[in-house]
Amino acid sequence: MIVVAIPTTEEEEEEQEQQGDGCDDDDYGAADWRDAAVAWEEAAAVAWMNNDNAAEARARSKQAEAVAAVAHARSNQVAEEVEEMADFIGWCLRLVFTCALLLWLWFG
């Protein structure tokens, strides 16, 4: 992480100019460098938040996959139960039809 010291008062700026290397900071774009440093820090903060958001999105994605797996398992279970019920109803209908046929043949 890069730490940039930015003077906060005019007195501090004047002290730095007096202690400096004899050049005017504005000639070398010191204000631009300060603005760039602030922009970089803001961009780093946004990137950090985006990284947190990406981690949260991955966690939600995994949670959604787990929910989908449970839903799929439940749908398979329901499908098996419906199939068993259909088999039972078919067996009952065959029994009724067979009984009706036997009664018709017997008393016919």
PDB file of N, CA and C in Angstrom:
ATOM      1  N   MET A   1       0.847  -1.166   0.000  1.00  0.00           N
ATOM      2  CA  MET A   1       0.000   0.000   0.000  1.00  0.00           C
ATOM      3  C   MET A   1       0.895   1.233   0.000  1.00  0.00           C
ATOM      4  N   ILE A   2       0.536   2.202  -0.809  1.00  0.00           N
ATOM      5  CA  ILE A   2       1.312   3.430  -0.918  1.00  0.00           C
ATOM      6  C   ILE A   2       0.660   4.488  -0.040  1.00  0.00           C
ATOM      7  N   VAL A   3       1.459   5.124   0.786  1.00  0.00           N
ATOM      8  CA  VAL A   3       0.966   6.194   1.650  1.00  0.00           C
ATOM      9  C   VAL A   3       1.575   7.493   1.170  1.00  0.00           C
ATOM     10  N   VAL A   4       0.725   8.461   0.904  1.00  0.00           N
ATOM     11  CA  VAL A   4       1.189   9.753   0.426  1.00  0.00           C
ATOM     12  C   VAL A   4       0.825  10.791   1.472  1.00  0.00           C
ATOM     13  N   ALA A   5       1.817  11.569   1.917  1.00  0.00           N
ATOM     14  CA  ALA A   5       1.562  12.630   2.886  1.00  0.00           C
ATOM     15  C   ALA A   5       1.148  13.876   2.128  1.00  0.00           C
ATOM     16  N   ILE A   6      -0.036  14.359   2.415  1.00  0.00           N
ATOM     17  CA  ILE A   6      -0.547  15.549   1.750  1.00  0.00           C
ATOM     18  C   ILE A   6      -0.647  16.658   2.791  1.00  0.00           C
ATOM     19  N   PRO A   7       0.020  17.808   2.568  1.00  0.00           N
ATOM     20  CA  PRO A   7      -0.072  18.903   3.537  1.00  0.00           C
ATOM     21  C   PRO A   7      -1.512  19.380   3.664  1.00  0.00           C
ATOM     22  N   THR A   8      -1.891  19.705   4.890  1.00  0.00           N
ATOM     23  CA  THR A   8      -3.268  20.103   5.122  1.00  0.00           C
ATOM     24  C   THR A   8      -3.423  21.601   5.345  1.00  0.00           C
ATOM     25  N   THR A   9      -2.361  22.276   5.672  1.00  0.00           N
ATOM     26  CA  THR A   9      -2.457  23.725   5.901  1.00  0.00           C
ATOM     27  C   THR A   9      -1.460  24.445   5.012  1.00  0.00           C
ATOM     28  N   GLU A  10      -1.692  25.734   4.839  1.00  0.00           N
ATOM     29  CA  GLU A  10      -0.793  26.540   4.009  1.00  0.00           C
ATOM     30  C   GLU A  10       0.577  26.671   4.659  1.00  0.00           C
ATOM     31  N   GLU A  11       0.604  26.709   5.987  1.00  0.00           N
ATOM     32  CA  GLU A  11       1.884  26.821   6.687  1.00  0.00           C
ATOM     33  C   GLU A  11       2.763  25.604   6.398  1.00  0.00           C
ATOM     34  N   GLU A  12       2.162  24.433   6.414  1.00  0.00           N
ATOM     35  CA  GLU A  12       2.938  23.219   6.129  1.00  0.00           C
ATOM     36  C   GLU A  12       3.454  23.247   4.696  1.00  0.00           C
ATOM     37  N   GLU A  13       2.630  23.729   3.760  1.00  0.00           N
ATOM     38  CA  GLU A  13       3.071  23.814   2.374  1.00  0.00           C
ATOM     39  C   GLU A  13       4.253  24.779   2.242  1.00  0.00           C
ATOM     40  N   GLU A  14       4.154  25.910   2.944  1.00  0.00           N
ATOM     41  CA  GLU A  14       5.255  26.877   2.895  1.00  0.00           C
ATOM     42  C   GLU A  14       6.533  26.288   3.481  1.00  0.00           C
ATOM     43  N   GLU A  15       6.402  25.547   4.591  1.00  0.00           N
ATOM     44  CA  GLU A  15       7.574  24.906   5.196  1.00  0.00           C
ATOM     45  C   GLU A  15       8.206  23.926   4.220  1.00  0.00           C
ATOM     46  N   GLN A  16       7.375  23.168   3.531  1.00  0.00           N
ATOM     47  CA  GLN A  16       7.920  22.201   2.578  1.00  0.00           C
ATOM     48  C   GLN A  16       8.611  22.909   1.420  1.00  0.00           C
ATOM     49  N   GLU A  17       8.041  24.020   0.960  1.00  0.00           N
ATOM     50  CA  GLU A  17       8.672  24.756  -0.127  1.00  0.00           C
ATOM     51  C   GLU A  17      10.024  25.315   0.298  1.00  0.00           C
ATOM     52  N   GLN A  18      10.097  25.793   1.550  1.00  0.00           N
ATOM     53  CA  GLN A  18      11.361  26.337   2.043  1.00  0.00           C
ATOM     54  C   GLN A  18      12.400  25.237   2.222  1.00  0.00           C
ATOM     55  N   GLN A  19      11.973  24.065   2.636  1.00  0.00           N
ATOM     56  CA  GLN A  19      12.909  22.963   2.845  1.00  0.00           C
ATOM     57  C   GLN A  19      13.181  22.201   1.553  1.00  0.00           C
ATOM     58  N   GLY A  20      12.441  22.495   0.518  1.00  0.00           N
ATOM     59  CA  GLY A  20      12.532  21.731  -0.721  1.00  0.00           C
ATOM     60  C   GLY A  20      13.864  21.881  -1.417  1.00  0.00           C
ATOM     61  N   ASP A  21      13.915  21.393  -2.658  1.00  0.00           N
ATOM     62  CA  ASP A  21      15.160  21.365  -3.419  1.00  0.00           C
ATOM     63  C   ASP A  21      15.364  22.633  -4.245  1.00  0.00           C
ATOM     64  N   GLY A  22      14.621  23.657  -3.950  1.00  0.00           N
ATOM     65  CA  GLY A  22      14.796  24.914  -4.658  1.00  0.00           C
ATOM     66  C   GLY A  22      13.942  25.029  -5.899  1.00  0.00           C
ATOM     67  N   CYS A  23      13.103  24.055  -6.192  1.00  0.00           N
ATOM     68  CA  CYS A  23      12.232  24.166  -7.358  1.00  0.00           C
ATOM     69  C   CYS A  23      10.800  24.391  -6.907  1.00  0.00           C
ATOM     70  N   ASP A  24      10.078  24.998  -7.769  1.00  0.00           N
ATOM     71  CA  ASP A  24       8.667  25.253  -7.491  1.00  0.00           C
ATOM     72  C   ASP A  24       7.891  23.961  -7.752  1.00  0.00           C
ATOM     73  N   ASP A  25       7.132  23.541  -6.749  1.00  0.00           N
ATOM     74  CA  ASP A  25       6.383  22.283  -6.891  1.00  0.00           C
ATOM     75  C   ASP A  25       5.399  22.332  -8.050  1.00  0.00           C
ATOM     76  N   ASP A  26       4.831  23.505  -8.280  1.00  0.00           N
ATOM     77  CA  ASP A  26       3.840  23.598  -9.345  1.00  0.00           C
ATOM     78  C   ASP A  26       4.469  23.400 -10.718  1.00  0.00           C
ATOM     79  N   ASP A  27       5.775  23.716 -10.846  1.00  0.00           N
ATOM     80  CA  ASP A  27       6.439  23.477 -12.121  1.00  0.00           C
ATOM     81  C   ASP A  27       6.487  21.985 -12.440  1.00  0.00           C
ATOM     82  N   TYR A  28       6.532  21.173 -11.417  1.00  0.00           N
ATOM     83  CA  TYR A  28       6.607  19.726 -11.621  1.00  0.00           C
ATOM     84  C   TYR A  28       5.259  19.049 -11.415  1.00  0.00           C
ATOM     85  N   GLY A  29       4.195  19.812 -11.267  1.00  0.00           N
ATOM     86  CA  GLY A  29       2.856  19.245 -11.154  1.00  0.00           C
ATOM     87  C   GLY A  29       2.584  18.570  -9.832  1.00  0.00           C
ATOM     88  N   ALA A  30       3.030  19.146  -8.717  1.00  0.00           N
ATOM     89  CA  ALA A  30       2.793  18.526  -7.410  1.00  0.00           C
ATOM     90  C   ALA A  30       1.304  18.403  -7.130  1.00  0.00           C
ATOM     91  N   ALA A  31       0.551  19.414  -7.548  1.00  0.00           N
ATOM     92  CA  ALA A  31      -0.898  19.350  -7.335  1.00  0.00           C
ATOM     93  C   ALA A  31      -1.484  18.182  -8.124  1.00  0.00           C
ATOM     94  N   ASP A  32      -0.965  17.975  -9.341  1.00  0.00           N
ATOM     95  CA  ASP A  32      -1.436  16.847 -10.141  1.00  0.00           C
ATOM     96  C   ASP A  32      -1.103  15.525  -9.467  1.00  0.00           C
ATOM     97  N   TRP A  33       0.095  15.455  -8.872  1.00  0.00           N
ATOM     98  CA  TRP A  33       0.485  14.226  -8.183  1.00  0.00           C
ATOM     99  C   TRP A  33      -0.405  13.974  -6.974  1.00  0.00           C
ATOM    100  N   ARG A  34      -0.735  15.054  -6.250  1.00  0.00           N
ATOM    101  CA  ARG A  34      -1.629  14.894  -5.096  1.00  0.00           C
ATOM    102  C   ARG A  34      -3.004  14.423  -5.560  1.00  0.00           C
ATOM    103  N   ASP A  35      -3.506  15.033  -6.640  1.00  0.00           N
ATOM    104  CA  ASP A  35      -4.804  14.616  -7.175  1.00  0.00           C
ATOM    105  C   ASP A  35      -4.753  13.163  -7.629  1.00  0.00           C
ATOM    106  N   ALA A  36      -3.645  12.791  -8.257  1.00  0.00           N
ATOM    107  CA  ALA A  36      -3.493  11.406  -8.707  1.00  0.00           C
ATOM    108  C   ALA A  36      -3.450  10.453  -7.518  1.00  0.00           C
ATOM    109  N   ALA A  37      -2.769  10.871  -6.438  1.00  0.00           N
ATOM    110  CA  ALA A  37      -2.691  10.017  -5.248  1.00  0.00           C
ATOM    111  C   ALA A  37      -4.065   9.836  -4.626  1.00  0.00           C
ATOM    112  N   VAL A  38      -4.834  10.920  -4.559  1.00  0.00           N
ATOM    113  CA  VAL A  38      -6.193  10.824  -4.013  1.00  0.00           C
ATOM    114  C   VAL A  38      -7.045   9.928  -4.901  1.00  0.00           C
ATOM    115  N   ALA A  39      -6.936  10.105  -6.213  1.00  0.00           N
ATOM    116  CA  ALA A  39      -7.703   9.275  -7.143  1.00  0.00           C
ATOM    117  C   ALA A  39      -7.305   7.808  -7.010  1.00  0.00           C
ATOM    118  N   TRP A  40      -5.994   7.562  -6.824  1.00  0.00           N
ATOM    119  CA  TRP A  40      -5.534   6.180  -6.668  1.00  0.00           C
ATOM    120  C   TRP A  40      -6.111   5.565  -5.403  1.00  0.00           C
ATOM    121  N   GLU A  41      -6.108   6.335  -4.302  1.00  0.00           N
ATOM    122  CA  GLU A  41      -6.658   5.816  -3.048  1.00  0.00           C
ATOM    123  C   GLU A  41      -8.147   5.525  -3.190  1.00  0.00           C
ATOM    124  N   GLU A  42      -8.874   6.405  -3.894  1.00  0.00           N
ATOM    125  CA  GLU A  42     -10.299   6.165  -4.119  1.00  0.00           C
ATOM    126  C   GLU A  42     -10.497   4.916  -4.972  1.00  0.00           C
ATOM    127  N   ALA A  43      -9.676   4.772  -6.005  1.00  0.00           N
ATOM    128  CA  ALA A  43      -9.779   3.589  -6.862  1.00  0.00           C
ATOM    129  C   ALA A  43      -9.460   2.323  -6.078  1.00  0.00           C
ATOM    130  N   ALA A  44      -8.472   2.397  -5.186  1.00  0.00           N
ATOM    131  CA  ALA A  44      -8.136   1.230  -4.363  1.00  0.00           C
ATOM    132  C   ALA A  44      -9.292   0.874  -3.441  1.00  0.00           C
ATOM    133  N   ALA A  45      -9.945   1.891  -2.876  1.00  0.00           N
ATOM    134  CA  ALA A  45     -11.095   1.628  -2.001  1.00  0.00           C
ATOM    135  C   ALA A  45     -12.230   0.993  -2.790  1.00  0.00           C
ATOM    136  N   VAL A  46     -12.477   1.497  -4.008  1.00  0.00           N
ATOM    137  CA  VAL A  46     -13.530   0.921  -4.850  1.00  0.00           C
ATOM    138  C   VAL A  46     -13.181  -0.516  -5.224  1.00  0.00           C
ATOM    139  N   ALA A  47     -11.917  -0.761  -5.566  1.00  0.00           N
ATOM    140  CA  ALA A  47     -11.491  -2.124  -5.908  1.00  0.00           C
ATOM    141  C   ALA A  47     -11.663  -3.057  -4.722  1.00  0.00           C
ATOM    142  N   TRP A  48     -11.337  -2.563  -3.529  1.00  0.00           N
ATOM    143  CA  TRP A  48     -11.496  -3.381  -2.318  1.00  0.00           C
ATOM    144  C   TRP A  48     -12.965  -3.742  -2.122  1.00  0.00           C
ATOM    145  N   MET A  49     -13.865  -2.746  -2.298  1.00  0.00           N
ATOM    146  CA  MET A  49     -15.298  -3.011  -2.155  1.00  0.00           C
ATOM    147  C   MET A  49     -15.770  -3.974  -3.233  1.00  0.00           C
ATOM    148  N   ASN A  50     -15.282  -3.798  -4.473  1.00  0.00           N
ATOM    149  CA  ASN A  50     -15.672  -4.707  -5.549  1.00  0.00           C
ATOM    150  C   ASN A  50     -15.204  -6.120  -5.259  1.00  0.00           C
ATOM    151  N   ASN A  51     -14.011  -6.253  -4.673  1.00  0.00           N
ATOM    152  CA  ASN A  51     -13.511  -7.573  -4.303  1.00  0.00           C
ATOM    153  C   ASN A  51     -14.430  -8.205  -3.263  1.00  0.00           C
ATOM    154  N   ASP A  52     -14.851  -7.407  -2.270  1.00  0.00           N
ATOM    155  CA  ASP A  52     -15.796  -7.912  -1.274  1.00  0.00           C
ATOM    156  C   ASP A  52     -17.114  -8.296  -1.929  1.00  0.00           C
ATOM    157  N   ASN A  53     -17.580  -7.461  -2.871  1.00  0.00           N
ATOM    158  CA  ASN A  53     -18.828  -7.760  -3.574  1.00  0.00           C
ATOM    159  C   ASN A  53     -18.689  -9.034  -4.399  1.00  0.00           C
ATOM    160  N   ALA A  54     -17.534  -9.237  -5.019  1.00  0.00           N
ATOM    161  CA  ALA A  54     -17.314 -10.449  -5.807  1.00  0.00           C
ATOM    162  C   ALA A  54     -17.318 -11.677  -4.907  1.00  0.00           C
ATOM    163  N   ALA A  55     -16.698 -11.569  -3.740  1.00  0.00           N
ATOM    164  CA  ALA A  55     -16.704 -12.700  -2.804  1.00  0.00           C
ATOM    165  C   ALA A  55     -18.123 -12.993  -2.338  1.00  0.00           C
ATOM    166  N   GLU A  56     -18.881 -11.945  -2.084  1.00  0.00           N
ATOM    167  CA  GLU A  56     -20.274 -12.137  -1.675  1.00  0.00           C
ATOM    168  C   GLU A  56     -21.079 -12.765  -2.813  1.00  0.00           C
ATOM    169  N   ALA A  57     -20.817 -12.333  -4.045  1.00  0.00           N
ATOM    170  CA  ALA A  57     -21.518 -12.902  -5.197  1.00  0.00           C
ATOM    171  C   ALA A  57     -21.170 -14.377  -5.364  1.00  0.00           C
ATOM    172  N   ARG A  58     -19.890 -14.731  -5.152  1.00  0.00           N
ATOM    173  CA  ARG A  58     -19.513 -16.146  -5.242  1.00  0.00           C
ATOM    174  C   ARG A  58     -20.213 -16.961  -4.162  1.00  0.00           C
ATOM    175  N   ALA A  59     -20.298 -16.410  -2.952  1.00  0.00           N
ATOM    176  CA  ALA A  59     -20.980 -17.121  -1.862  1.00  0.00           C
ATOM    177  C   ALA A  59     -22.458 -17.298  -2.182  1.00  0.00           C
ATOM    178  N   ARG A  60     -23.075 -16.259  -2.728  1.00  0.00           N
ATOM    179  CA  ARG A  60     -24.491 -16.372  -3.102  1.00  0.00           C
ATOM    180  C   ARG A  60     -24.678 -17.370  -4.232  1.00  0.00           C
ATOM    181  N   SER A  61     -23.732 -17.409  -5.157  1.00  0.00           N
ATOM    182  CA  SER A  61     -23.806 -18.370  -6.255  1.00  0.00           C
ATOM    183  C   SER A  61     -23.744 -19.795  -5.723  1.00  0.00           C
ATOM    184  N   LYS A  62     -22.831 -20.040  -4.789  1.00  0.00           N
ATOM    185  CA  LYS A  62     -22.737 -21.378  -4.197  1.00  0.00           C
ATOM    186  C   LYS A  62     -24.012 -21.713  -3.434  1.00  0.00           C
ATOM    187  N   GLN A  63     -24.584 -20.730  -2.746  1.00  0.00           N
ATOM    188  CA  GLN A  63     -25.826 -20.956  -2.015  1.00  0.00           C
ATOM    189  C   GLN A  63     -26.952 -21.266  -3.007  1.00  0.00           C
ATOM    190  N   ALA A  64     -26.996 -20.557  -4.124  1.00  0.00           N
ATOM    191  CA  ALA A  64     -28.015 -20.815  -5.138  1.00  0.00           C
ATOM    192  C   ALA A  64     -27.849 -22.209  -5.732  1.00  0.00           C
ATOM    193  N   GLU A  65     -26.608 -22.636  -5.937  1.00  0.00           N
ATOM    194  CA  GLU A  65     -26.368 -23.991  -6.438  1.00  0.00           C
ATOM    195  C   GLU A  65     -26.874 -25.034  -5.450  1.00  0.00           C
ATOM    196  N   ALA A  66     -26.646 -24.791  -4.160  1.00  0.00           N
ATOM    197  CA  ALA A  66     -27.122 -25.731  -3.136  1.00  0.00           C
ATOM    198  C   ALA A  66     -28.645 -25.783  -3.120  1.00  0.00           C
ATOM    199  N   VAL A  67     -29.287 -24.623  -3.233  1.00  0.00           N
ATOM    200  CA  VAL A  67     -30.754 -24.582  -3.262  1.00  0.00           C
ATOM    201  C   VAL A  67     -31.270 -25.307  -4.500  1.00  0.00           C
ATOM    202  N   ALA A  68     -30.608 -25.110  -5.639  1.00  0.00           N
ATOM    203  CA  ALA A  68     -31.017 -25.791  -6.868  1.00  0.00           C
ATOM    204  C   ALA A  68     -30.859 -27.299  -6.734  1.00  0.00           C
ATOM    205  N   ALA A  69     -29.792 -27.746  -6.083  1.00  0.00           N
ATOM    206  CA  ALA A  69     -29.589 -29.183  -5.883  1.00  0.00           C
ATOM    207  C   ALA A  69     -30.686 -29.767  -5.002  1.00  0.00           C
ATOM    208  N   VAL A  70     -31.057 -29.045  -3.943  1.00  0.00           N
ATOM    209  CA  VAL A  70     -32.138 -29.515  -3.068  1.00  0.00           C
ATOM    210  C   VAL A  70     -33.455 -29.548  -3.836  1.00  0.00           C
ATOM    211  N   ALA A  71     -33.723 -28.511  -4.626  1.00  0.00           N
ATOM    212  CA  ALA A  71     -34.956 -28.470  -5.417  1.00  0.00           C
ATOM    213  C   ALA A  71     -34.990 -29.615  -6.420  1.00  0.00           C
ATOM    214  N   HIS A  72     -33.848 -29.900  -7.038  1.00  0.00           N
ATOM    215  CA  HIS A  72     -33.783 -31.004  -7.999  1.00  0.00           C
ATOM    216  C   HIS A  72     -34.055 -32.338  -7.303  1.00  0.00           C
ATOM    217  N   ALA A  73     -33.464 -32.524  -6.125  1.00  0.00           N
ATOM    218  CA  ALA A  73     -33.691 -33.763  -5.374  1.00  0.00           C
ATOM    219  C   ALA A  73     -35.160 -33.897  -4.991  1.00  0.00           C
ATOM    220  N   ARG A  74     -35.763 -32.799  -4.567  1.00  0.00           N
ATOM    221  CA  ARG A  74     -37.188 -32.842  -4.203  1.00  0.00           C
ATOM    222  C   ARG A  74     -38.049 -33.138  -5.415  1.00  0.00           C
ATOM    223  N   SER A  75     -37.724 -32.535  -6.556  1.00  0.00           N
ATOM    224  CA  SER A  75     -38.519 -32.793  -7.757  1.00  0.00           C
ATOM    225  C   SER A  75     -38.388 -34.252  -8.179  1.00  0.00           C
ATOM    226  N   ASN A  76     -37.185 -34.823  -8.035  1.00  0.00           N
ATOM    227  CA  ASN A  76     -37.019 -36.250  -8.337  1.00  0.00           C
ATOM    228  C   ASN A  76     -37.844 -37.102  -7.392  1.00  0.00           C
ATOM    229  N   GLN A  77     -37.870 -36.732  -6.111  1.00  0.00           N
ATOM    230  CA  GLN A  77     -38.648 -37.479  -5.126  1.00  0.00           C
ATOM    231  C   GLN A  77     -40.138 -37.389  -5.459  1.00  0.00           C
ATOM    232  N   VAL A  78     -40.614 -36.206  -5.817  1.00  0.00           N
ATOM    233  CA  VAL A  78     -42.023 -36.035  -6.180  1.00  0.00           C
ATOM    234  C   VAL A  78     -42.339 -36.843  -7.430  1.00  0.00           C
ATOM    235  N   ALA A  79     -41.439 -36.847  -8.397  1.00  0.00           N
ATOM    236  CA  ALA A  79     -41.663 -37.616  -9.623  1.00  0.00           C
ATOM    237  C   ALA A  79     -41.769 -39.106  -9.316  1.00  0.00           C
ATOM    238  N   GLU A  80     -40.922 -39.608  -8.417  1.00  0.00           N
ATOM    239  CA  GLU A  80     -40.998 -41.020  -8.035  1.00  0.00           C
ATOM    240  C   GLU A  80     -42.313 -41.330  -7.329  1.00  0.00           C
ATOM    241  N   GLU A  81     -42.762 -40.418  -6.454  1.00  0.00           N
ATOM    242  CA  GLU A  81     -44.024 -40.634  -5.752  1.00  0.00           C
ATOM    243  C   GLU A  81     -45.199 -40.626  -6.721  1.00  0.00           C
ATOM    244  N   VAL A  82     -45.176 -39.732  -7.702  1.00  0.00           N
ATOM    245  CA  VAL A  82     -46.242 -39.680  -8.708  1.00  0.00           C
ATOM    246  C   VAL A  82     -46.240 -40.960  -9.532  1.00  0.00           C
ATOM    247  N   GLU A  83     -45.058 -41.442  -9.878  1.00  0.00           N
ATOM    248  CA  GLU A  83     -44.966 -42.686 -10.647  1.00  0.00           C
ATOM    249  C   GLU A  83     -45.512 -43.864  -9.846  1.00  0.00           C
ATOM    250  N   GLU A  84     -45.178 -43.926  -8.547  1.00  0.00           N
ATOM    251  CA  GLU A  84     -45.704 -44.997  -7.701  1.00  0.00           C
ATOM    252  C   GLU A  84     -47.221 -44.907  -7.592  1.00  0.00           C
ATOM    253  N   MET A  85     -47.760 -43.682  -7.472  1.00  0.00           N
ATOM    254  CA  MET A  85     -49.205 -43.507  -7.388  1.00  0.00           C
ATOM    255  C   MET A  85     -49.867 -43.939  -8.689  1.00  0.00           C
ATOM    256  N   ALA A  86     -49.266 -43.608  -9.820  1.00  0.00           N
ATOM    257  CA  ALA A  86     -49.820 -44.012 -11.113  1.00  0.00           C
ATOM    258  C   ALA A  86     -49.812 -45.533 -11.244  1.00  0.00           C
ATOM    259  N   ASP A  87     -48.749 -46.180 -10.785  1.00  0.00           N
ATOM    260  CA  ASP A  87     -48.705 -47.647 -10.813  1.00  0.00           C
ATOM    261  C   ASP A  87     -49.811 -48.239  -9.947  1.00  0.00           C
ATOM    262  N   PHE A  88     -50.028 -47.665  -8.760  1.00  0.00           N
ATOM    263  CA  PHE A  88     -51.066 -48.165  -7.858  1.00  0.00           C
ATOM    264  C   PHE A  88     -52.452 -47.982  -8.474  1.00  0.00           C
ATOM    265  N   ILE A  89     -52.702 -46.828  -9.069  1.00  0.00           N
ATOM    266  CA  ILE A  89     -54.003 -46.587  -9.709  1.00  0.00           C
ATOM    267  C   ILE A  89     -54.200 -47.545 -10.876  1.00  0.00           C
ATOM    268  N   GLY A  90     -53.159 -47.775 -11.664  1.00  0.00           N
ATOM    269  CA  GLY A  90     -53.252 -48.738 -12.766  1.00  0.00           C
ATOM    270  C   GLY A  90     -53.553 -50.139 -12.258  1.00  0.00           C
ATOM    271  N   TRP A  91     -52.906 -50.533 -11.163  1.00  0.00           N
ATOM    272  CA  TRP A  91     -53.153 -51.852 -10.583  1.00  0.00           C
ATOM    273  C   TRP A  91     -54.606 -51.955 -10.103  1.00  0.00           C
ATOM    274  N   CYS A  92     -55.120 -50.924  -9.462  1.00  0.00           N
ATOM    275  CA  CYS A  92     -56.513 -50.914  -8.993  1.00  0.00           C
ATOM    276  C   CYS A  92     -57.485 -51.002 -10.169  1.00  0.00           C
ATOM    277  N   LEU A  93     -57.220 -50.268 -11.243  1.00  0.00           N
ATOM    278  CA  LEU A  93     -58.106 -50.320 -12.408  1.00  0.00           C
ATOM    279  C   LEU A  93     -58.094 -51.701 -13.060  1.00  0.00           C
ATOM    280  N   ARG A  94     -56.948 -52.341 -13.151  1.00  0.00           N
ATOM    281  CA  ARG A  94     -56.880 -53.702 -13.705  1.00  0.00           C
ATOM    282  C   ARG A  94     -57.664 -54.681 -12.836  1.00  0.00           C
ATOM    283  N   LEU A  95     -57.558 -54.505 -11.511  1.00  0.00           N
ATOM    284  CA  LEU A  95     -58.286 -55.376 -10.592  1.00  0.00           C
ATOM    285  C   LEU A  95     -59.789 -55.202 -10.767  1.00  0.00           C
ATOM    286  N   VAL A  96     -60.242 -53.958 -10.852  1.00  0.00           N
ATOM    287  CA  VAL A  96     -61.674 -53.696 -11.042  1.00  0.00           C
ATOM    288  C   VAL A  96     -62.135 -54.256 -12.381  1.00  0.00           C
ATOM    289  N   PHE A  97     -61.374 -54.039 -13.444  1.00  0.00           N
ATOM    290  CA  PHE A  97     -61.749 -54.549 -14.760  1.00  0.00           C
ATOM    291  C   PHE A  97     -61.787 -56.078 -14.767  1.00  0.00           C
ATOM    292  N   THR A  98     -60.802 -56.716 -14.117  1.00  0.00           N
ATOM    293  CA  THR A  98     -60.767 -58.182 -14.056  1.00  0.00           C
ATOM    294  C   THR A  98     -61.969 -58.712 -13.285  1.00  0.00           C
ATOM    295  N   CYS A  99     -62.289 -58.077 -12.164  1.00  0.00           N
ATOM    296  CA  CYS A  99     -63.460 -58.504 -11.382  1.00  0.00           C
ATOM    297  C   CYS A  99     -64.737 -58.330 -12.195  1.00  0.00           C
ATOM    298  N   ALA A 100     -64.856 -57.223 -12.900  1.00  0.00           N
ATOM    299  CA  ALA A 100     -66.047 -56.988 -13.720  1.00  0.00           C
ATOM    300  C   ALA A 100     -66.140 -58.023 -14.830  1.00  0.00           C
ATOM    301  N   LEU A 101     -65.027 -58.361 -15.437  1.00  0.00           N
ATOM    302  CA  LEU A 101     -65.020 -59.363 -16.505  1.00  0.00           C
ATOM    303  C   LEU A 101     -65.402 -60.730 -15.963  1.00  0.00           C
ATOM    304  N   LEU A 102     -64.864 -61.111 -14.794  1.00  0.00           N
ATOM    305  CA  LEU A 102     -65.208 -62.403 -14.192  1.00  0.00           C
ATOM    306  C   LEU A 102     -66.687 -62.459 -13.816  1.00  0.00           C
ATOM    307  N   LEU A 103     -67.211 -61.386 -13.253  1.00  0.00           N
ATOM    308  CA  LEU A 103     -68.640 -61.359 -12.908  1.00  0.00           C
ATOM    309  C   LEU A 103     -69.507 -61.451 -14.158  1.00  0.00           C
ATOM    310  N   TRP A 104     -69.081 -60.788 -15.212  1.00  0.00           N
ATOM    311  CA  TRP A 104     -69.861 -60.841 -16.457  1.00  0.00           C
ATOM    312  C   TRP A 104     -69.833 -62.250 -17.046  1.00  0.00           C
ATOM    313  N   LEU A 105     -68.637 -62.895 -17.000  1.00  0.00           N
ATOM    314  CA  LEU A 105     -68.536 -64.259 -17.521  1.00  0.00           C
ATOM    315  C   LEU A 105     -69.302 -65.246 -16.633  1.00  0.00           C
ATOM    316  N   TRP A 106     -69.260 -65.057 -15.321  1.00  0.00           N
ATOM    317  CA  TRP A 106     -69.903 -65.987 -14.388  1.00  0.00           C
ATOM    318  C   TRP A 106     -71.414 -65.881 -14.449  1.00  0.00           C
ATOM    319  N   PHE A 107     -71.922 -64.624 -14.424  1.00  0.00           N
ATOM    320  CA  PHE A 107     -73.370 -64.445 -14.376  1.00  0.00           C
ATOM    321  C   PHE A 107     -73.932 -64.052 -15.727  1.00  0.00           C
ATOM    322  N   GLY A 108     -73.105 -63.856 -16.668  1.00  0.00           N
ATOM    323  CA  GLY A 108     -73.348 -63.374 -17.963  1.00  0.00           C
ATOM    324  C   GLY A 108     -74.430 -63.620 -18.783  1.00  0.00           C
TER     325      GLY A 108
END
